[in-house]
C-alpha atoms as a PDB file:
ATOM      1  CA  MET A   1     -47.689   7.094  13.564  1.00  0.00           C
ATOM      2  CA  SER A   2     -47.634   9.378  10.555  1.00  0.00           C
ATOM      3  CA  THR A   3     -48.948   8.202   7.223  1.00  0.00           C
ATOM      4  CA  ASN A   4     -48.495   9.447   3.671  1.00  0.00           C
ATOM      5  CA  SER A   5     -51.230  10.971   1.544  1.00  0.00           C
ATOM      6  CA  SER A   6     -52.200   7.611   0.003  1.00  0.00           C
ATOM      7  CA  GLU A   7     -53.139   6.104   3.365  1.00  0.00           C
ATOM      8  CA  ARG A   8     -55.767   6.693   5.994  1.00  0.00           C
ATOM      9  CA  THR A   9     -57.090   4.939   9.083  1.00  0.00           C
ATOM     10  CA  VAL A  10     -60.111   2.663   8.857  1.00  0.00           C
ATOM     11  CA  SER A  11     -62.861   3.669  11.252  1.00  0.00           C
ATOM     12  CA  ALA A  12     -66.170   2.101  12.114  1.00  0.00           C
ATOM     13  CA  ALA A  13     -67.935   5.251  10.935  1.00  0.00           C
ATOM     14  CA  GLY A  14     -66.329   5.306   7.498  1.00  0.00           C
ATOM     15  CA  SER A  15     -68.203   6.483   4.431  1.00  0.00           C
ATOM     16  CA  PRO A  16     -70.545   3.977   2.812  1.00  0.00           C
ATOM     17  CA  SER A  17     -69.134   1.826   0.057  1.00  0.00           C
ATOM     18  CA  PRO A  18     -70.234   2.621  -3.498  1.00  0.00           C
ATOM     19  CA  ALA A  19     -70.588  -1.133  -4.056  1.00  0.00           C
ATOM     20  CA  GLY A  20     -73.864  -1.005  -2.175  1.00  0.00           C
ATOM     21  CA  GLY A  21     -75.102   1.861  -4.314  1.00  0.00           C
ATOM     22  CA  PRO A  22     -77.560   1.892  -7.199  1.00  0.00           C
ATOM     23  CA  SER A  23     -77.291  -0.459 -10.144  1.00  0.00           C
ATOM     24  CA  LEU A  24     -76.906   0.688 -13.745  1.00  0.00           C
ATOM     25  CA  ALA A  25     -78.401  -2.507 -15.143  1.00  0.00           C
ATOM     26  CA  GLY A  26     -81.490  -0.706 -16.490  1.00  0.00           C
ATOM     27  CA  ALA A  27     -79.728   2.470 -17.619  1.00  0.00           C
ATOM     28  CA  HIS A  28     -80.391   1.763 -21.293  1.00  0.00           C
ATOM     29  CA  HIS A  29     -84.100   2.297 -20.646  1.00  0.00           C
ATOM     30  CA  TYR A  30     -83.489   5.885 -19.515  1.00  0.00           C
ATOM     31  CA  VAL A  31     -80.379   6.932 -21.447  1.00  0.00           C
ATOM     32  CA  THR A  32     -81.373   6.417 -25.070  1.00  0.00           C
ATOM     33  CA  MET A  33     -79.937   9.412 -26.957  1.00  0.00           C
ATOM     34  CA  LYS A  34     -76.570   8.909 -28.636  1.00  0.00           C
ATOM     35  CA  LEU A  35     -74.137  11.798 -28.348  1.00  0.00           C
ATOM     36  CA  VAL A  36     -73.146  13.434 -31.642  1.00  0.00           C
ATOM     37  CA  SER A  37     -71.282  16.661 -32.285  1.00  0.00           C
ATOM     38  CA  CYS A  38     -74.428  18.825 -32.454  1.00  0.00           C
ATOM     39  CA  ASN A  39     -76.633  17.531 -29.607  1.00  0.00           C
ATOM     40  CA  PHE A  40     -74.462  17.919 -26.506  1.00  0.00           C
ATOM     41  CA  LEU A  41     -77.079  19.949 -24.614  1.00  0.00           C
ATOM     42  CA  PHE A  42     -79.773  17.325 -25.189  1.00  0.00           C
ATOM     43  CA  TRP A  43     -77.434  14.457 -24.312  1.00  0.00           C
ATOM     44  CA  ARG A  44     -76.310  16.258 -21.153  1.00  0.00           C
ATOM     45  CA  ALA A  45     -79.924  17.037 -20.190  1.00  0.00           C
ATOM     46  CA  GLN A  46     -80.628  13.306 -20.426  1.00  0.00           C
ATOM     47  CA  LEU A  47     -77.597  12.159 -18.419  1.00  0.00           C
ATOM     48  CA  ILE A  48     -77.535  14.677 -15.555  1.00  0.00           C
ATOM     49  CA  PRO A  49     -80.959  13.874 -14.013  1.00  0.00           C
ATOM     50  CA  PHE A  50     -80.345  10.147 -14.368  1.00  0.00           C
ATOM     51  CA  LEU A  51     -76.942  10.273 -12.654  1.00  0.00           C
ATOM     52  CA  ARG A  52     -78.207  12.654  -9.971  1.00  0.00           C
ATOM     53  CA  GLY A  53     -81.226  10.459  -9.307  1.00  0.00           C
ATOM     54  CA  GLN A  54     -78.956   7.438  -8.919  1.00  0.00           C
ATOM     55  CA  GLU A  55     -76.623   9.437  -6.617  1.00  0.00           C
ATOM     56  CA  LEU A  56     -73.774   8.951  -9.083  1.00  0.00           C
ATOM     57  CA  LEU A  57     -73.202  12.491 -10.343  1.00  0.00           C
ATOM     58  CA  GLY A  58     -70.249  12.914  -7.990  1.00  0.00           C
ATOM     59  CA  PHE A  59     -68.270  10.373 -10.001  1.00  0.00           C
ATOM     60  CA  VAL A  60     -68.423  12.377 -13.233  1.00  0.00           C
ATOM     61  CA  ASP A  61     -68.221  15.915 -11.835  1.00  0.00           C
ATOM     62  CA  GLY A  62     -65.289  15.079  -9.541  1.00  0.00           C
ATOM     63  CA  SER A  63     -67.060  15.807  -6.256  1.00  0.00           C
ATOM     64  CA  LEU A  64     -66.691  12.145  -5.224  1.00  0.00           C
ATOM     65  CA  PRO A  65     -62.979  11.442  -5.747  1.00  0.00           C
ATOM     66  CA  CYS A  66     -61.414   8.011  -5.720  1.00  0.00           C
ATOM     67  CA  PRO A  67     -60.475   6.795  -2.212  1.00  0.00           C
ATOM     68  CA  PRO A  68     -56.817   5.834  -1.620  1.00  0.00           C
ATOM     69  CA  GLU A  69     -55.743   2.313  -2.575  1.00  0.00           C
ATOM     70  CA  THR A  70     -54.524   1.485   0.927  1.00  0.00           C
ATOM     71  CA  VAL A  71     -55.474   2.317   4.492  1.00  0.00           C
ATOM     72  CA  THR A  72     -53.754   2.003   7.822  1.00  0.00           C
ATOM     73  CA  ALA A  73     -55.310  -0.596  10.065  1.00  0.00           C
ATOM     74  CA  ALA A  74     -55.282   0.454  13.710  1.00  0.00           C
ATOM     75  CA  PRO A  75     -53.124  -1.740  16.009  1.00  0.00           C
ATOM     76  CA  PRO A  76     -54.876  -4.180  18.341  1.00  0.00           C
ATOM     77  CA  SER A  77     -55.994  -2.834  21.693  1.00  0.00           C
ATOM     78  CA  GLU A  78     -53.980  -3.518  24.845  1.00  0.00           C
ATOM     79  CA  GLY A  79     -54.445  -7.005  26.208  1.00  0.00           C
ATOM     80  CA  SER A  80     -55.144  -8.440  22.788  1.00  0.00           C
ATOM     81  CA  SER A  81     -53.634 -11.805  22.037  1.00  0.00           C
ATOM     82  CA  ALA A  82     -52.277 -10.531  18.721  1.00  0.00           C
ATOM     83  CA  GLY A  83     -48.517 -10.624  18.470  1.00  0.00           C
ATOM     84  CA  THR A  84     -48.030  -7.138  17.081  1.00  0.00           C
ATOM     85  CA  THR A  85     -48.870  -3.657  18.304  1.00  0.00           C
ATOM     86  CA  THR A  86     -47.900  -1.746  15.177  1.00  0.00           C
ATOM     87  CA  ALA A  87     -50.295  -0.467  12.542  1.00  0.00           C
ATOM     88  CA  THR A  88     -50.326  -2.258   9.192  1.00  0.00           C
ATOM     89  CA  ILE A  89     -51.094  -1.133   5.658  1.00  0.00           C
ATOM     90  CA  ILE A  90     -53.959  -3.020   4.055  1.00  0.00           C
ATOM     91  CA  PRO A  91     -55.927  -2.673   0.779  1.00  0.00           C
ATOM     92  CA  ASN A  92     -58.807  -0.199   1.008  1.00  0.00           C
ATOM     93  CA  PRO A  93     -62.127  -1.929   0.201  1.00  0.00           C
ATOM     94  CA  GLU A  94     -63.715   1.442  -0.548  1.00  0.00           C
ATOM     95  CA  HIS A  95     -61.182   2.018  -3.319  1.00  0.00           C
ATOM     96  CA  ARG A  96     -62.073  -1.247  -5.003  1.00  0.00           C
ATOM     97  CA  ALA A  97     -65.804  -0.526  -4.716  1.00  0.00           C
ATOM     98  CA  TRP A  98     -65.328   3.007  -6.118  1.00  0.00           C
ATOM     99  CA  VAL A  99     -63.353   1.763  -9.123  1.00  0.00           C
ATOM    100  CA  LYS A 100     -65.997  -0.875  -9.856  1.00  0.00           C
ATOM    101  CA  GLN A 101     -68.809   1.713  -9.789  1.00  0.00           C
ATOM    102  CA  ASP A 102     -66.817   4.255 -11.785  1.00  0.00           C
ATOM    103  CA  GLN A 103     -66.053   1.751 -14.529  1.00  0.00           C
ATOM    104  CA  LEU A 104     -69.757   0.983 -14.867  1.00  0.00           C
ATOM    105  CA  ILE A 105     -70.479   4.702 -15.289  1.00  0.00           C
ATOM    106  CA  LEU A 106     -67.598   4.973 -17.755  1.00  0.00           C
ATOM    107  CA  PHE A 107     -69.138   2.138 -19.771  1.00  0.00           C
ATOM    108  CA  LEU A 108     -72.514   3.902 -19.678  1.00  0.00           C
ATOM    109  CA  LEU A 109     -70.985   7.103 -21.059  1.00  0.00           C
ATOM    110  CA  ILE A 110     -69.098   5.306 -23.819  1.00  0.00           C
ATOM    111  CA  SER A 111     -72.155   3.298 -24.836  1.00  0.00           C
ATOM    112  CA  SER A 112     -74.133   6.543 -25.198  1.00  0.00           C
ATOM    113  CA  MET A 113     -71.571   8.052 -27.593  1.00  0.00           C
ATOM    114  CA  SER A 114     -71.835   7.740 -31.372  1.00  0.00           C
ATOM    115  CA  ASP A 115     -68.877   6.726 -33.522  1.00  0.00           C
ATOM    116  CA  GLU A 116     -68.535  10.373 -34.555  1.00  0.00           C
ATOM    117  CA  VAL A 117     -67.410  11.462 -31.087  1.00  0.00           C
ATOM    118  CA  LEU A 118     -66.025   8.217 -29.686  1.00  0.00           C
ATOM    119  CA  HIS A 119     -62.488   9.520 -30.072  1.00  0.00           C
ATOM    120  CA  LEU A 120     -63.185  11.767 -27.067  1.00  0.00           C
ATOM    121  CA  ALA A 121     -63.104   8.664 -24.852  1.00  0.00           C
ATOM    122  CA  LEU A 122     -59.708   7.417 -26.022  1.00  0.00           C
ATOM    123  CA  GLY A 123     -57.068   7.390 -23.306  1.00  0.00           C
ATOM    124  CA  ARG A 124     -59.574   8.271 -20.569  1.00  0.00           C
ATOM    125  CA  ALA A 125     -59.527   5.884 -17.608  1.00  0.00           C
ATOM    126  CA  THR A 126     -62.330   7.277 -15.435  1.00  0.00           C
ATOM    127  CA  SER A 127     -65.846   8.575 -16.005  1.00  0.00           C
ATOM    128  CA  ALA A 128     -64.757  12.050 -14.823  1.00  0.00           C
ATOM    129  CA  GLU A 129     -62.005  12.146 -17.460  1.00  0.00           C
ATOM    130  CA  ILE A 130     -64.451  11.249 -20.238  1.00  0.00           C
ATOM    131  CA  TRP A 131     -66.995  13.772 -18.963  1.00  0.00           C
ATOM    132  CA  GLN A 132     -64.362  16.507 -18.935  1.00  0.00           C
ATOM    133  CA  SER A 133     -63.193  15.532 -22.422  1.00  0.00           C
ATOM    134  CA  ILE A 134     -66.727  15.707 -23.822  1.00  0.00           C
ATOM    135  CA  THR A 135     -67.562  18.962 -22.050  1.00  0.00           C
ATOM    136  CA  SER A 136     -64.350  20.646 -23.190  1.00  0.00           C
ATOM    137  CA  ALA A 137     -64.845  19.590 -26.808  1.00  0.00           C
ATOM    138  CA  LEU A 138     -68.597  20.066 -27.229  1.00  0.00           C
ATOM    139  CA  GLY A 139     -69.662  22.372 -24.408  1.00  0.00           C
ATOM    140  CA  SER A 140     -66.715  24.697 -24.263  1.00  0.00           C
ATOM    141  CA  SER A 141     -67.191  28.221 -22.945  1.00  0.00           C
ATOM    142  CA  SER A 142     -64.308  29.612 -24.975  1.00  0.00           C
ATOM    143  CA  GLN A 143     -64.649  32.969 -26.689  1.00  0.00           C
ATOM    144  CA  ALA A 144     -64.230  31.291 -30.070  1.00  0.00           C
ATOM    145  CA  ARG A 145     -67.173  28.965 -29.403  1.00  0.00           C
ATOM    146  CA  CYS A 146     -69.371  31.854 -28.235  1.00  0.00           C
ATOM    147  CA  LEU A 147     -68.561  33.836 -31.356  1.00  0.00           C
ATOM    148  CA  ASN A 148     -69.251  30.822 -33.551  1.00  0.00           C
ATOM    149  CA  LEU A 149     -72.650  30.197 -31.969  1.00  0.00           C
ATOM    150  CA  LEU A 150     -73.560  33.871 -32.068  1.00  0.00           C
ATOM    151  CA  GLY A 151     -72.629  33.995 -35.746  1.00  0.00           C
ATOM    152  CA  GLN A 152     -74.893  31.000 -36.419  1.00  0.00           C
ATOM    153  CA  PHE A 153     -77.772  32.762 -34.668  1.00  0.00           C
ATOM    154  CA  GLN A 154     -77.257  35.999 -36.577  1.00  0.00           C
ATOM    155  CA  LEU A 155     -77.301  34.116 -39.897  1.00  0.00           C
ATOM    156  CA  LEU A 156     -80.269  31.901 -39.009  1.00  0.00           C
ATOM    157  CA  ARG A 157     -83.108  32.145 -41.548  1.00  0.00           C
ATOM    158  CA  GLN A 158     -86.523  30.510 -41.645  1.00  0.00           C
ATOM    159  CA  GLY A 159     -86.542  29.880 -45.384  1.00  0.00           C
ATOM    160  CA  ASN A 160     -89.269  27.379 -46.247  1.00  0.00           C
ATOM    161  CA  SER A 161     -89.248  25.667 -42.855  1.00  0.00           C
ATOM    162  CA  MET A 162     -92.185  25.716 -40.459  1.00  0.00           C
ATOM    163  CA  THR A 163     -92.184  28.353 -37.747  1.00  0.00           C
ATOM    164  CA  ALA A 164     -91.986  25.708 -35.014  1.00  0.00           C
ATOM    165  CA  ASN A 165     -88.937  24.182 -36.671  1.00  0.00           C
ATOM    166  CA  TYR A 166     -87.288  27.572 -37.138  1.00  0.00           C
ATOM    167  CA  LEU A 167     -87.863  28.597 -33.521  1.00  0.00           C
ATOM    168  CA  SER A 168     -86.645  25.186 -32.389  1.00  0.00           C
ATOM    169  CA  ARG A 169     -83.302  25.843 -34.051  1.00  0.00           C
ATOM    170  CA  ALA A 170     -83.217  29.334 -32.548  1.00  0.00           C
ATOM    171  CA  GLY A 171     -83.965  27.928 -29.093  1.00  0.00           C
ATOM    172  CA  VAL A 172     -81.142  25.411 -29.348  1.00  0.00           C
ATOM    173  CA  LEU A 173     -78.695  28.192 -30.168  1.00  0.00           C
ATOM    174  CA  VAL A 174     -79.963  30.283 -27.239  1.00  0.00           C
ATOM    175  CA  GLU A 175     -79.404  27.372 -24.856  1.00  0.00           C
ATOM    176  CA  ALA A 176     -75.996  26.566 -26.349  1.00  0.00           C
ATOM    177  CA  LEU A 177     -74.894  30.177 -25.905  1.00  0.00           C
ATOM    178  CA  ALA A 178     -76.104  30.185 -22.298  1.00  0.00           C
ATOM    179  CA  GLN A 179     -74.171  26.962 -21.659  1.00  0.00           C
ATOM    180  CA  ALA A 180     -71.083  28.576 -23.160  1.00  0.00           C
ATOM    181  CA  GLY A 181     -71.432  31.606 -20.893  1.00  0.00           C
ATOM    182  CA  ARG A 182     -73.036  34.074 -23.325  1.00  0.00           C
ATOM    183  CA  THR A 183     -76.603  34.561 -22.163  1.00  0.00           C
ATOM    184  CA  LEU A 184     -78.762  36.460 -24.645  1.00  0.00           C
ATOM    185  CA  SER A 185     -81.354  38.916 -23.412  1.00  0.00           C
ATOM    186  CA  LEU A 186     -84.946  38.525 -24.590  1.00  0.00           C
ATOM    187  CA  MET A 187     -84.501  41.605 -26.754  1.00  0.00           C
ATOM    188  CA  GLU A 188     -81.481  40.076 -28.494  1.00  0.00           C
ATOM    189  CA  GLN A 189     -83.349  36.809 -29.007  1.00  0.00           C
ATOM    190  CA  ASN A 190     -86.324  38.630 -30.507  1.00  0.00           C
ATOM    191  CA  LEU A 191     -84.186  40.751 -32.831  1.00  0.00           C
ATOM    192  CA  TYR A 192     -82.249  37.782 -34.242  1.00  0.00           C
ATOM    193  CA  VAL A 193     -85.398  35.676 -34.649  1.00  0.00           C
ATOM    194  CA  LEU A 194     -87.378  38.469 -36.338  1.00  0.00           C
ATOM    195  CA  ARG A 195     -84.501  39.126 -38.701  1.00  0.00           C
ATOM    196  CA  GLY A 196     -84.725  35.613 -40.108  1.00  0.00           C
ATOM    197  CA  LEU A 197     -88.501  35.231 -40.342  1.00  0.00           C
ATOM    198  CA  GLN A 198     -90.377  34.919 -43.622  1.00  0.00           C
ATOM    199  CA  PRO A 199     -91.487  38.389 -44.878  1.00  0.00           C
ATOM    200  CA  GLU A 200     -95.200  37.709 -44.371  1.00  0.00           C
ATOM    201  CA  LEU A 201     -94.594  36.922 -40.680  1.00  0.00           C
ATOM    202  CA  LYS A 202     -91.899  39.466 -39.912  1.00  0.00           C
ATOM    203  CA  ALA A 203     -94.168  42.525 -39.731  1.00  0.00           C
ATOM    204  CA  MET A 204     -96.686  40.772 -37.496  1.00  0.00           C
ATOM    205  CA  ALA A 205     -93.984  39.534 -35.151  1.00  0.00           C
ATOM    206  CA  ALA A 206     -92.441  43.004 -34.994  1.00  0.00           C
ATOM    207  CA  SER A 207     -95.759  44.510 -33.928  1.00  0.00           C
ATOM    208  CA  PHE A 208     -96.207  41.794 -31.291  1.00  0.00           C
ATOM    209  CA  THR A 209     -92.799  42.440 -29.742  1.00  0.00           C
ATOM    210  CA  ALA A 210     -92.738  46.231 -30.171  1.00  0.00           C
ATOM    211  CA  GLY A 211     -91.509  47.801 -26.963  1.00  0.00           C
ATOM    212  CA  ASN A 212     -91.847  44.552 -25.040  1.00  0.00           C
ATOM    213  CA  ALA A 213     -89.507  41.601 -25.645  1.00  0.00           C
ATOM    214  CA  VAL A 214     -91.152  38.210 -25.145  1.00  0.00           C
ATOM    215  CA  PRO A 215     -89.877  34.641 -24.610  1.00  0.00           C
ATOM    216  CA  LEU A 216     -89.515  32.535 -27.742  1.00  0.00           C
ATOM    217  CA  SER A 217     -92.293  30.239 -26.519  1.00  0.00           C
ATOM    218  CA  HIS A 218     -94.777  33.154 -26.540  1.00  0.00           C
ATOM    219  CA  LEU A 219     -93.559  34.298 -29.929  1.00  0.00           C
ATOM    220  CA  SER A 220     -94.041  30.766 -31.217  1.00  0.00           C
ATOM    221  CA  ASP A 221     -97.680  30.723 -30.057  1.00  0.00           C
ATOM    222  CA  TYR A 222     -98.366  34.028 -31.785  1.00  0.00           C
ATOM    223  CA  LEU A 223     -96.681  33.130 -35.055  1.00  0.00           C
ATOM    224  CA  GLN A 224     -98.264  29.695 -35.324  1.00  0.00           C
ATOM    225  CA  ALA A 225    -101.689  31.256 -34.869  1.00  0.00           C
ATOM    226  CA  HIS A 226    -100.960  33.607 -37.763  1.00  0.00           C
ATOM    227  CA  GLU A 227     -99.682  30.710 -39.859  1.00  0.00           C
ATOM    228  CA  PHE A 228    -103.115  29.152 -39.506  1.00  0.00           C
ATOM    229  CA  ILE A 229    -104.752  32.412 -40.624  1.00  0.00           C
ATOM    230  CA  LEU A 230    -102.382  32.926 -43.558  1.00  0.00           C
ATOM    231  CA  VAL A 231    -102.732  29.435 -44.974  1.00  0.00           C
ATOM    232  CA  ASP A 232    -105.853  30.450 -46.948  1.00  0.00           C
ATOM    233  CA  ASP A 233    -104.058  33.429 -48.489  1.00  0.00           C
ATOM    234  CA  TYR A 234    -101.884  31.160 -50.611  1.00  0.00           C
ATOM    235  CA  PRO A 235    -103.283  28.828 -53.284  1.00  0.00           C
ATOM    236  CA  THR A 236    -102.088  25.268 -53.285  1.00  0.00           C
ATOM    237  CA  GLY A 237     -99.580  24.340 -55.932  1.00  0.00           C
ATOM    238  CA  ASP A 238     -95.951  23.399 -56.422  1.00  0.00           C
ATOM    239  CA  SER A 239     -94.721  26.999 -56.329  1.00  0.00           C
ATOM    240  CA  THR A 240     -96.396  27.731 -53.010  1.00  0.00           C
ATOM    241  CA  ALA A 241     -96.117  24.347 -51.334  1.00  0.00           C
ATOM    242  CA  SER A 242     -94.407  25.834 -48.322  1.00  0.00           C
ATOM    243  CA  HIS A 243     -97.398  28.103 -47.644  1.00  0.00           C
ATOM    244  CA  SER A 244     -99.972  25.354 -47.997  1.00  0.00           C
ATOM    245  CA  ALA A 245     -98.256  23.556 -45.128  1.00  0.00           C
ATOM    246  CA  PHE A 246     -98.111  26.588 -42.858  1.00  0.00           C
ATOM    247  CA  TYR A 247    -100.105  25.246 -39.945  1.00  0.00           C
ATOM    248  CA  ALA A 248     -97.752  23.515 -37.509  1.00  0.00           C
ATOM    249  CA  GLY A 249    -100.208  21.718 -35.285  1.00  0.00           C
ATOM    250  CA  PRO A 250    -102.394  22.261 -32.242  1.00  0.00           C
ATOM    251  CA  GLY A 251    -101.086  25.660 -31.146  1.00  0.00           C
ATOM    252  CA  ARG A 252     -99.670  25.686 -27.679  1.00  0.00           C
ATOM    253  CA  GLY A 253     -99.104  21.969 -27.512  1.00  0.00           C
ATOM    254  CA  SER A 254     -96.544  22.072 -30.271  1.00  0.00           C
ATOM    255  CA  SER A 255     -95.102  25.468 -29.396  1.00  0.00           C
ATOM    256  CA  ARG A 256     -93.761  24.168 -26.112  1.00  0.00           C
ATOM    257  CA  LYS A 257     -91.503  21.744 -27.954  1.00  0.00           C
ATOM    258  CA  LEU A 258     -89.049  24.469 -28.810  1.00  0.00           C
ATOM    259  CA  PHE A 259     -86.046  22.175 -28.522  1.00  0.00           C
ATOM    260  CA  SER A 260     -87.512  19.064 -30.066  1.00  0.00           C
ATOM    261  CA  ASN A 261     -85.176  18.723 -33.039  1.00  0.00           C
ATOM    262  CA  PRO A 262     -81.487  18.890 -32.110  1.00  0.00           C
ATOM    263  CA  PHE A 263     -80.208  17.898 -35.545  1.00  0.00           C
ATOM    264  CA  ASP A 264     -81.346  20.871 -37.631  1.00  0.00           C
ATOM    265  CA  ILE A 265     -78.615  23.323 -36.632  1.00  0.00           C
END
């Protein structure tokens, strides 16, 4: 007997029901960052490992589609006392279990969104639809987005901020560009970062990277060491307050936190 695309035959070896899958009851302990318009990469980096670890990523990325609402029950075997030998259409328990799990994930996504971006969830009925809406709006790989991010990087300046803070903002832009499909070479990263450094650090950084582009983490180590050296070259006072606070912390420990402040872009 032929069936339409919304039906299938129940078998003893069917796929496991999502109802028996992991619980999201403790998700709030692991998913704590609220999504805003400027921290998509950080929010995504928080959600992806959690969903993958709970074996739920397939719901949001579409690789685990919703099962059909109904299935075709096989007719009774010959000799059965049942009065019918024709197949019947019955509700699919896997569909109900999938919808239940998906709605819990949908709730998790919505609860991790700030009021600023909550409009992206309006009219979306599944977790995959919300995920696609958020990704399209905040993680788009369009040419316009790439140009916008590249323009931000080219105009980035250290000003009076600490080197660690400045390189943190640069690192966020590098990652955002990579996510959007415009990967910057180390040489490009170095050139844009050096262009925006404070004058007293620019020459030193240029000599460090001359002929050999380095990762931003290495450049951060080098520059923070020189901040510590330069701090004594500037007297304390209101007009030079930014120099008296040059030292960013314990060297390599702080330099590894390149992406620690997502809200400074």
